[in-house]
Protein backbone atom coordinates (compact mmCIF):
# COMPACT_ATOMS: atom_id res chain seq x y z
CA UNK A 1 0.00 0.00 0.00
CA UNK A 2 2.74 2.46 0.91
CA UNK A 3 4.68 1.63 -2.23
CA UNK A 4 1.68 2.46 -4.45
CA UNK A 5 1.19 5.81 -2.68
CA UNK A 6 4.90 6.62 -3.06
CA UNK A 7 4.76 5.56 -6.72
CA UNK A 8 1.72 7.80 -7.36
CA UNK A 9 3.38 10.72 -5.60
CA UNK A 10 6.57 10.28 -7.62
CA UNK A 11 4.55 10.02 -10.84
CA UNK A 12 2.66 13.22 -10.01
CA UNK A 13 5.91 15.06 -9.25
CA UNK A 14 7.45 13.90 -12.55
CA UNK A 15 4.39 14.98 -14.52
CA UNK A 16 4.26 18.38 -12.82
CA UNK A 17 7.99 18.87 -13.23
CA UNK A 18 7.72 18.27 -16.98
CA UNK A 19 5.25 21.12 -17.45
CA UNK A 20 6.61 24.46 -18.48
CA UNK A 21 5.01 27.76 -17.69
CA UNK A 22 3.42 29.24 -20.79
CA UNK A 23 4.45 32.81 -21.63
CA UNK A 24 1.96 35.49 -20.70
CA UNK A 25 -0.03 37.54 -23.20
CA UNK A 26 2.39 40.47 -23.29
CA UNK A 27 5.36 38.20 -24.01
CA UNK A 28 3.50 36.42 -26.82
CA UNK A 29 2.29 39.76 -28.21
CA UNK A 30 5.80 41.21 -28.28
CA UNK A 31 7.17 38.10 -30.03
CA UNK A 32 4.42 38.17 -32.65
CA UNK A 33 4.98 41.89 -33.14
CA UNK A 34 8.70 41.36 -33.74
CA UNK A 35 8.00 38.48 -36.15
CA UNK A 36 5.47 40.51 -38.13
CA UNK A 37 7.76 43.54 -38.29
CA UNK A 38 10.59 41.36 -39.63
CA UNK A 39 8.27 39.84 -42.22
CA UNK A 40 7.05 43.30 -43.27
CA UNK A 41 10.64 44.53 -43.70
CA UNK A 42 11.38 41.48 -45.84
CA UNK A 43 8.33 42.09 -48.03
CA UNK A 44 9.23 45.78 -48.38
CA UNK A 45 12.79 44.89 -49.41
CA UNK A 46 11.53 42.40 -52.01
CA UNK A 47 9.06 44.92 -53.41
CA UNK A 48 11.78 47.59 -53.61
CA UNK A 49 14.09 45.18 -55.48
CA UNK A 50 11.34 44.35 -57.97
CA UNK A 51 10.45 48.01 -58.47
CA UNK A 52 14.11 48.95 -58.99
CA UNK A 53 14.52 46.12 -61.50
CA UNK A 54 11.40 47.24 -63.39
CA UNK A 55 12.65 50.83 -63.49
CA UNK A 56 16.05 49.71 -64.80
CA UNK A 57 14.40 47.57 -67.47
CA UNK A 58 12.16 50.46 -68.51
CA UNK A 59 15.13 52.81 -68.68
CA UNK A 60 17.17 50.32 -70.72
CA UNK A 61 14.25 49.81 -73.06
CA UNK A 62 13.82 53.58 -73.50
CA UNK A 63 17.52 53.94 -74.25
CA UNK A 64 17.20 51.31 -76.98
CA UNK A 65 14.24 53.14 -78.47
CA UNK A 66 11.68 50.48 -77.63
CA UNK A 67 8.75 51.37 -75.45
CA UNK A 68 8.21 48.95 -72.57
CA UNK A 69 4.49 49.80 -72.66
CA UNK A 70 4.04 48.49 -76.21
CA UNK A 71 5.86 45.22 -76.78
CA UNK A 72 6.12 43.92 -80.31
CA UNK A 73 3.45 41.34 -81.11
CA UNK A 74 4.35 37.83 -82.16
CA UNK A 75 4.11 37.09 -85.88
CA UNK A 76 0.85 35.50 -87.03
CA UNK A 77 1.17 32.29 -89.01
CA UNK A 78 -1.59 30.28 -90.61
CA UNK A 79 -0.73 26.67 -90.00
CA UNK A 80 -3.21 24.08 -91.14
PDB file of N, CA and C in Angstrom:
ATOM      1  N   UNK A   1       0.818  -1.188   0.000  1.00  0.00           N
ATOM      2  CA  UNK A   1       0.000   0.000   0.000  1.00  0.00           C
ATOM      3  C   UNK A   1       0.866   1.257   0.000  1.00  0.00           C
ATOM      4  N   UNK A   2       1.874   1.285   0.851  1.00  0.00           N
ATOM      5  CA  UNK A   2       2.735   2.455   0.912  1.00  0.00           C
ATOM      6  C   UNK A   2       3.491   2.628  -0.403  1.00  0.00           C
ATOM      7  N   UNK A   3       3.910   1.519  -0.992  1.00  0.00           N
ATOM      8  CA  UNK A   3       4.678   1.628  -2.234  1.00  0.00           C
ATOM      9  C   UNK A   3       3.833   2.214  -3.360  1.00  0.00           C
ATOM     10  N   UNK A   4       2.541   1.900  -3.404  1.00  0.00           N
ATOM     11  CA  UNK A   4       1.684   2.458  -4.451  1.00  0.00           C
ATOM     12  C   UNK A   4       1.468   3.956  -4.225  1.00  0.00           C
ATOM     13  N   UNK A   5       1.360   4.388  -2.977  1.00  0.00           N
ATOM     14  CA  UNK A   5       1.194   5.812  -2.684  1.00  0.00           C
ATOM     15  C   UNK A   5       2.466   6.564  -3.050  1.00  0.00           C
ATOM     16  N   UNK A   6       3.622   5.994  -2.715  1.00  0.00           N
ATOM     17  CA  UNK A   6       4.896   6.622  -3.060  1.00  0.00           C
ATOM     18  C   UNK A   6       5.047   6.671  -4.570  1.00  0.00           C
ATOM     19  N   UNK A   7       4.669   5.598  -5.251  1.00  0.00           N
ATOM     20  CA  UNK A   7       4.757   5.562  -6.716  1.00  0.00           C
ATOM     21  C   UNK A   7       3.848   6.623  -7.339  1.00  0.00           C
ATOM     22  N   UNK A   8       2.630   6.783  -6.826  1.00  0.00           N
ATOM     23  CA  UNK A   8       1.715   7.799  -7.359  1.00  0.00           C
ATOM     24  C   UNK A   8       2.249   9.199  -7.085  1.00  0.00           C
ATOM     25  N   UNK A   9       2.823   9.410  -5.932  1.00  0.00           N
ATOM     26  CA  UNK A   9       3.378  10.720  -5.601  1.00  0.00           C
ATOM     27  C   UNK A   9       4.555  11.047  -6.508  1.00  0.00           C
ATOM     28  N   UNK A  10       5.420  10.059  -6.731  1.00  0.00           N
ATOM     29  CA  UNK A  10       6.567  10.276  -7.624  1.00  0.00           C
ATOM     30  C   UNK A  10       6.096  10.552  -9.052  1.00  0.00           C
ATOM     31  N   UNK A  11       5.097   9.822  -9.495  1.00  0.00           N
ATOM     32  CA  UNK A  11       4.554  10.021 -10.835  1.00  0.00           C
ATOM     33  C   UNK A  11       3.976  11.428 -10.973  1.00  0.00           C
ATOM     34  N   UNK A  12       3.239  11.885  -9.972  1.00  0.00           N
ATOM     35  CA  UNK A  12       2.658  13.224 -10.012  1.00  0.00           C
ATOM     36  C   UNK A  12       3.751  14.281 -10.047  1.00  0.00           C
ATOM     37  N   UNK A  13       4.821  14.079  -9.272  1.00  0.00           N
ATOM     38  CA  UNK A  13       5.909  15.056  -9.251  1.00  0.00           C
ATOM     39  C   UNK A  13       6.627  15.104 -10.598  1.00  0.00           C
ATOM     40  N   UNK A  14       6.803  13.949 -11.233  1.00  0.00           N
ATOM     41  CA  UNK A  14       7.453  13.904 -12.546  1.00  0.00           C
ATOM     42  C   UNK A  14       6.588  14.606 -13.583  1.00  0.00           C
ATOM     43  N   UNK A  15       5.291  14.342 -13.558  1.00  0.00           N
ATOM     44  CA  UNK A  15       4.390  14.983 -14.517  1.00  0.00           C
ATOM     45  C   UNK A  15       4.345  16.488 -14.323  1.00  0.00           C
ATOM     46  N   UNK A  16       4.289  16.941 -13.086  1.00  0.00           N
ATOM     47  CA  UNK A  16       4.258  18.383 -12.824  1.00  0.00           C
ATOM     48  C   UNK A  16       5.594  19.033 -13.136  1.00  0.00           C
ATOM     49  N   UNK A  17       6.677  18.326 -12.933  1.00  0.00           N
ATOM     50  CA  UNK A  17       7.993  18.872 -13.232  1.00  0.00           C
ATOM     51  C   UNK A  17       8.229  19.015 -14.722  1.00  0.00           C
ATOM     52  N   UNK A  18       7.558  18.215 -15.531  1.00  0.00           N
ATOM     53  CA  UNK A  18       7.716  18.270 -16.976  1.00  0.00           C
ATOM     54  C   UNK A  18       6.962  19.421 -17.618  1.00  0.00           C
ATOM     55  N   UNK A  19       6.025  19.995 -16.904  1.00  0.00           N
ATOM     56  CA  UNK A  19       5.252  21.116 -17.450  1.00  0.00           C
ATOM     57  C   UNK A  19       6.080  22.389 -17.408  1.00  0.00           C
ATOM     58  N   UNK A  20       5.930  23.170 -18.443  1.00  0.00           N
ATOM     59  CA  UNK A  20       6.609  24.456 -18.482  1.00  0.00           C
ATOM     60  C   UNK A  20       5.562  25.553 -18.409  1.00  0.00           C
ATOM     61  N   UNK A  21       5.928  26.631 -17.777  1.00  0.00           N
ATOM     62  CA  UNK A  21       5.011  27.758 -17.694  1.00  0.00           C
ATOM     63  C   UNK A  21       4.885  28.393 -19.077  1.00  0.00           C
ATOM     64  N   UNK A  22       3.659  28.626 -19.491  1.00  0.00           N
ATOM     65  CA  UNK A  22       3.418  29.242 -20.793  1.00  0.00           C
ATOM     66  C   UNK A  22       3.637  30.745 -20.671  1.00  0.00           C
ATOM     67  N   UNK A  23       4.221  31.360 -21.702  1.00  0.00           N
ATOM     68  CA  UNK A  23       4.453  32.807 -21.630  1.00  0.00           C
ATOM     69  C   UNK A  23       3.135  33.571 -21.522  1.00  0.00           C
ATOM     70  N   UNK A  24       3.171  34.701 -20.855  1.00  0.00           N
ATOM     71  CA  UNK A  24       1.963  35.494 -20.700  1.00  0.00           C
ATOM     72  C   UNK A  24       1.615  36.223 -21.997  1.00  0.00           C
ATOM     73  N   UNK A  25       0.477  36.884 -21.997  1.00  0.00           N
ATOM     74  CA  UNK A  25      -0.032  37.541 -23.196  1.00  0.00           C
ATOM     75  C   UNK A  25       0.952  38.574 -23.733  1.00  0.00           C
ATOM     76  N   UNK A  26       1.484  39.400 -22.848  1.00  0.00           N
ATOM     77  CA  UNK A  26       2.394  40.471 -23.293  1.00  0.00           C
ATOM     78  C   UNK A  26       3.633  39.909 -23.973  1.00  0.00           C
ATOM     79  N   UNK A  27       4.171  38.827 -23.417  1.00  0.00           N
ATOM     80  CA  UNK A  27       5.360  38.203 -24.014  1.00  0.00           C
ATOM     81  C   UNK A  27       5.038  37.651 -25.395  1.00  0.00           C
ATOM     82  N   UNK A  28       3.899  36.957 -25.513  1.00  0.00           N
ATOM     83  CA  UNK A  28       3.499  36.419 -26.820  1.00  0.00           C
ATOM     84  C   UNK A  28       3.228  37.547 -27.814  1.00  0.00           C
ATOM     85  N   UNK A  29       2.592  38.629 -27.341  1.00  0.00           N
ATOM     86  CA  UNK A  29       2.286  39.761 -28.212  1.00  0.00           C
ATOM     87  C   UNK A  29       3.568  40.398 -28.736  1.00  0.00           C
ATOM     88  N   UNK A  30       4.534  40.605 -27.859  1.00  0.00           N
ATOM     89  CA  UNK A  30       5.805  41.207 -28.281  1.00  0.00           C
ATOM     90  C   UNK A  30       6.519  40.327 -29.303  1.00  0.00           C
ATOM     91  N   UNK A  31       6.518  39.016 -29.088  1.00  0.00           N
ATOM     92  CA  UNK A  31       7.174  38.103 -30.026  1.00  0.00           C
ATOM     93  C   UNK A  31       6.487  38.142 -31.389  1.00  0.00           C
ATOM     94  N   UNK A  32       5.163  38.097 -31.383  1.00  0.00           N
ATOM     95  CA  UNK A  32       4.420  38.165 -32.646  1.00  0.00           C
ATOM     96  C   UNK A  32       4.663  39.500 -33.347  1.00  0.00           C
ATOM     97  N   UNK A  33       4.726  40.564 -32.567  1.00  0.00           N
ATOM     98  CA  UNK A  33       4.976  41.887 -33.138  1.00  0.00           C
ATOM     99  C   UNK A  33       6.347  41.935 -33.808  1.00  0.00           C
ATOM    100  N   UNK A  34       7.356  41.387 -33.150  1.00  0.00           N
ATOM    101  CA  UNK A  34       8.700  41.356 -33.745  1.00  0.00           C
ATOM    102  C   UNK A  34       8.722  40.500 -35.009  1.00  0.00           C
ATOM    103  N   UNK A  35       8.046  39.355 -34.968  1.00  0.00           N
ATOM    104  CA  UNK A  35       8.004  38.480 -36.145  1.00  0.00           C
ATOM    105  C   UNK A  35       7.319  39.167 -37.327  1.00  0.00           C
ATOM    106  N   UNK A  36       6.197  39.826 -37.054  1.00  0.00           N
ATOM    107  CA  UNK A  36       5.471  40.507 -38.132  1.00  0.00           C
ATOM    108  C   UNK A  36       6.263  41.686 -38.686  1.00  0.00           C
ATOM    109  N   UNK A  37       6.955  42.408 -37.821  1.00  0.00           N
ATOM    110  CA  UNK A  37       7.762  43.537 -38.285  1.00  0.00           C
ATOM    111  C   UNK A  37       8.896  43.046 -39.181  1.00  0.00           C
ATOM    112  N   UNK A  38       9.520  41.927 -38.804  1.00  0.00           N
ATOM    113  CA  UNK A  38      10.595  41.364 -39.626  1.00  0.00           C
ATOM    114  C   UNK A  38      10.047  40.907 -40.972  1.00  0.00           C
ATOM    115  N   UNK A  39       8.877  40.290 -40.968  1.00  0.00           N
ATOM    116  CA  UNK A  39       8.266  39.837 -42.217  1.00  0.00           C
ATOM    117  C   UNK A  39       7.906  41.033 -43.104  1.00  0.00           C
ATOM    118  N   UNK A  40       7.401  42.101 -42.504  1.00  0.00           N
ATOM    119  CA  UNK A  40       7.048  43.301 -43.268  1.00  0.00           C
ATOM    120  C   UNK A  40       8.292  43.930 -43.889  1.00  0.00           C
ATOM    121  N   UNK A  41       9.393  43.979 -43.132  1.00  0.00           N
ATOM    122  CA  UNK A  41      10.636  44.527 -43.696  1.00  0.00           C
ATOM    123  C   UNK A  41      11.114  43.674 -44.870  1.00  0.00           C
ATOM    124  N   UNK A  42      10.979  42.371 -44.760  1.00  0.00           N
ATOM    125  CA  UNK A  42      11.385  41.480 -45.844  1.00  0.00           C
ATOM    126  C   UNK A  42      10.529  41.705 -47.093  1.00  0.00           C
ATOM    127  N   UNK A  43       9.236  41.845 -46.899  1.00  0.00           N
ATOM    128  CA  UNK A  43       8.330  42.085 -48.030  1.00  0.00           C
ATOM    129  C   UNK A  43       8.638  43.434 -48.673  1.00  0.00           C
ATOM    130  N   UNK A  44       8.878  44.456 -47.846  1.00  0.00           N
ATOM    131  CA  UNK A  44       9.228  45.775 -48.379  1.00  0.00           C
ATOM    132  C   UNK A  44      10.518  45.727 -49.188  1.00  0.00           C
ATOM    133  N   UNK A  45      11.509  44.998 -48.691  1.00  0.00           N
ATOM    134  CA  UNK A  45      12.786  44.893 -49.406  1.00  0.00           C
ATOM    135  C   UNK A  45      12.596  44.188 -50.742  1.00  0.00           C
ATOM    136  N   UNK A  46      11.793  43.109 -50.752  1.00  0.00           N
ATOM    137  CA  UNK A  46      11.533  42.400 -52.010  1.00  0.00           C
ATOM    138  C   UNK A  46      10.801  43.290 -53.005  1.00  0.00           C
ATOM    139  N   UNK A  47       9.812  44.036 -52.523  1.00  0.00           N
ATOM    140  CA  UNK A  47       9.059  44.921 -53.413  1.00  0.00           C
ATOM    141  C   UNK A  47       9.972  46.014 -53.975  1.00  0.00           C
ATOM    142  N   UNK A  48      10.851  46.554 -53.148  1.00  0.00           N
ATOM    143  CA  UNK A  48      11.778  47.586 -53.615  1.00  0.00           C
ATOM    144  C   UNK A  48      12.718  47.025 -54.678  1.00  0.00           C
ATOM    145  N   UNK A  49      13.217  45.806 -54.488  1.00  0.00           N
ATOM    146  CA  UNK A  49      14.092  45.177 -55.484  1.00  0.00           C
ATOM    147  C   UNK A  49      13.362  45.008 -56.809  1.00  0.00           C
ATOM    148  N   UNK A  50      12.113  44.551 -56.748  1.00  0.00           N
ATOM    149  CA  UNK A  50      11.339  44.349 -57.973  1.00  0.00           C
ATOM    150  C   UNK A  50      11.050  45.681 -58.664  1.00  0.00           C
ATOM    151  N   UNK A  51      10.728  46.696 -57.885  1.00  0.00           N
ATOM    152  CA  UNK A  51      10.455  48.007 -58.468  1.00  0.00           C
ATOM    153  C   UNK A  51      11.713  48.591 -59.103  1.00  0.00           C
ATOM    154  N   UNK A  52      12.853  48.463 -58.425  1.00  0.00           N
ATOM    155  CA  UNK A  52      14.115  48.954 -58.986  1.00  0.00           C
ATOM    156  C   UNK A  52      14.463  48.215 -60.281  1.00  0.00           C
ATOM    157  N   UNK A  53      14.234  46.897 -60.305  1.00  0.00           N
ATOM    158  CA  UNK A  53      14.523  46.117 -61.504  1.00  0.00           C
ATOM    159  C   UNK A  53      13.602  46.540 -62.649  1.00  0.00           C
ATOM    160  N   UNK A  54      12.342  46.804 -62.351  1.00  0.00           N
ATOM    161  CA  UNK A  54      11.402  47.236 -63.385  1.00  0.00           C
ATOM    162  C   UNK A  54      11.797  48.613 -63.929  1.00  0.00           C
ATOM    163  N   UNK A  55      12.229  49.502 -63.041  1.00  0.00           N
ATOM    164  CA  UNK A  55      12.653  50.829 -63.495  1.00  0.00           C
ATOM    165  C   UNK A  55      13.897  50.740 -64.372  1.00  0.00           C
ATOM    166  N   UNK A  56      14.843  49.882 -63.984  1.00  0.00           N
ATOM    167  CA  UNK A  56      16.049  49.706 -64.796  1.00  0.00           C
ATOM    168  C   UNK A  56      15.707  49.130 -66.162  1.00  0.00           C
ATOM    169  N   UNK A  57      14.800  48.168 -66.199  1.00  0.00           N
ATOM    170  CA  UNK A  57      14.395  47.568 -67.473  1.00  0.00           C
ATOM    171  C   UNK A  57      13.700  48.598 -68.352  1.00  0.00           C
ATOM    172  N   UNK A  58      12.858  49.420 -67.738  1.00  0.00           N
ATOM    173  CA  UNK A  58      12.162  50.456 -68.507  1.00  0.00           C
ATOM    174  C   UNK A  58      13.155  51.479 -69.057  1.00  0.00           C
ATOM    175  N   UNK A  59      14.134  51.844 -68.236  1.00  0.00           N
ATOM    176  CA  UNK A  59      15.135  52.808 -68.678  1.00  0.00           C
ATOM    177  C   UNK A  59      15.987  52.223 -69.801  1.00  0.00           C
ATOM    178  N   UNK A  60      16.379  50.964 -69.673  1.00  0.00           N
ATOM    179  CA  UNK A  60      17.172  50.321 -70.716  1.00  0.00           C
ATOM    180  C   UNK A  60      16.377  50.219 -72.010  1.00  0.00           C
ATOM    181  N   UNK A  61      15.097  49.909 -71.883  1.00  0.00           N
ATOM    182  CA  UNK A  61      14.247  49.812 -73.060  1.00  0.00           C
ATOM    183  C   UNK A  61      14.095  51.177 -73.731  1.00  0.00           C
ATOM    184  N   UNK A  62      13.954  52.233 -72.937  1.00  0.00           N
ATOM    185  CA  UNK A  62      13.816  53.579 -73.497  1.00  0.00           C
ATOM    186  C   UNK A  62      15.104  54.004 -74.197  1.00  0.00           C
ATOM    187  N   UNK A  63      16.236  53.600 -73.625  1.00  0.00           N
ATOM    188  CA  UNK A  63      17.517  53.940 -74.254  1.00  0.00           C
ATOM    189  C   UNK A  63      17.689  53.224 -75.591  1.00  0.00           C
ATOM    190  N   UNK A  64      17.110  52.050 -75.720  1.00  0.00           N
ATOM    191  CA  UNK A  64      17.196  51.313 -76.983  1.00  0.00           C
ATOM    192  C   UNK A  64      16.155  51.780 -77.992  1.00  0.00           C
ATOM    193  N   UNK A  65      15.238  52.609 -77.548  1.00  0.00           N
ATOM    194  CA  UNK A  65      14.236  53.139 -78.469  1.00  0.00           C
ATOM    195  C   UNK A  65      12.964  52.310 -78.503  1.00  0.00           C
ATOM    196  N   UNK A  66      12.883  51.302 -77.696  1.00  0.00           N
ATOM    197  CA  UNK A  66      11.676  50.476 -77.626  1.00  0.00           C
ATOM    198  C   UNK A  66      10.875  50.891 -76.403  1.00  0.00           C
ATOM    199  N   UNK A  67       9.603  51.006 -76.574  1.00  0.00           N
ATOM    200  CA  UNK A  67       8.745  51.365 -75.453  1.00  0.00           C
ATOM    201  C   UNK A  67       8.370  50.105 -74.694  1.00  0.00           C
ATOM    202  N   UNK A  68       8.555  50.107 -73.391  1.00  0.00           N
ATOM    203  CA  UNK A  68       8.211  48.951 -72.565  1.00  0.00           C
ATOM    204  C   UNK A  68       6.695  48.788 -72.484  1.00  0.00           C
ATOM    205  N   UNK A  69       5.948  49.864 -72.740  1.00  0.00           N
ATOM    206  CA  UNK A  69       4.490  49.804 -72.661  1.00  0.00           C
ATOM    207  C   UNK A  69       3.888  49.118 -73.883  1.00  0.00           C
ATOM    208  N   UNK A  70       4.591  49.113 -75.013  1.00  0.00           N
ATOM    209  CA  UNK A  70       4.036  48.491 -76.205  1.00  0.00           C
ATOM    210  C   UNK A  70       5.031  47.464 -76.762  1.00  0.00           C
ATOM    211  N   UNK A  71       4.964  46.249 -76.261  1.00  0.00           N
ATOM    212  CA  UNK A  71       5.862  45.220 -76.782  1.00  0.00           C
ATOM    213  C   UNK A  71       5.464  44.821 -78.197  1.00  0.00           C
ATOM    214  N   UNK A  72       6.416  44.326 -78.945  1.00  0.00           N
ATOM    215  CA  UNK A  72       6.122  43.918 -80.313  1.00  0.00           C
ATOM    216  C   UNK A  72       5.331  42.624 -80.303  1.00  0.00           C
ATOM    217  N   UNK A  73       4.273  42.559 -81.097  1.00  0.00           N
ATOM    218  CA  UNK A  73       3.448  41.341 -81.106  1.00  0.00           C
ATOM    219  C   UNK A  73       4.176  40.212 -81.838  1.00  0.00           C
ATOM    220  N   UNK A  74       3.774  39.004 -81.493  1.00  0.00           N
ATOM    221  CA  UNK A  74       4.348  37.831 -82.156  1.00  0.00           C
ATOM    222  C   UNK A  74       3.802  37.738 -83.573  1.00  0.00           C
ATOM    223  N   UNK A  75       4.605  37.211 -84.513  1.00  0.00           N
ATOM    224  CA  UNK A  75       4.105  37.090 -85.883  1.00  0.00           C
ATOM    225  C   UNK A  75       2.959  36.084 -85.951  1.00  0.00           C
ATOM    226  N   UNK A  76       2.015  36.372 -86.846  1.00  0.00           N
ATOM    227  CA  UNK A  76       0.845  35.502 -87.029  1.00  0.00           C
ATOM    228  C   UNK A  76       1.153  34.558 -88.177  1.00  0.00           C
ATOM    229  N   UNK A  77       0.965  33.302 -87.946  1.00  0.00           N
ATOM    230  CA  UNK A  77       1.173  32.292 -89.007  1.00  0.00           C
ATOM    231  C   UNK A  77      -0.091  31.467 -89.141  1.00  0.00           C
ATOM    232  N   UNK A  78      -0.417  31.129 -90.343  1.00  0.00           N
ATOM    233  CA  UNK A  78      -1.585  30.281 -90.610  1.00  0.00           C
ATOM    234  C   UNK A  78      -1.093  28.873 -90.872  1.00  0.00           C
ATOM    235  N   UNK A  79      -1.149  28.066 -89.865  1.00  0.00           N
ATOM    236  CA  UNK A  79      -0.729  26.669 -90.002  1.00  0.00           C
ATOM    237  C   UNK A  79      -1.952  25.801 -90.002  1.00  0.00           C
ATOM    238  N   UNK A  80      -2.036  24.965 -91.041  1.00  0.00           N
ATOM    239  CA  UNK A  80      -3.212  24.083 -91.142  1.00  0.00           C
ATOM    240  C   UNK A  80      -2.808  22.647 -90.966  1.00  0.00           C
TER     241      UNK A  80
END
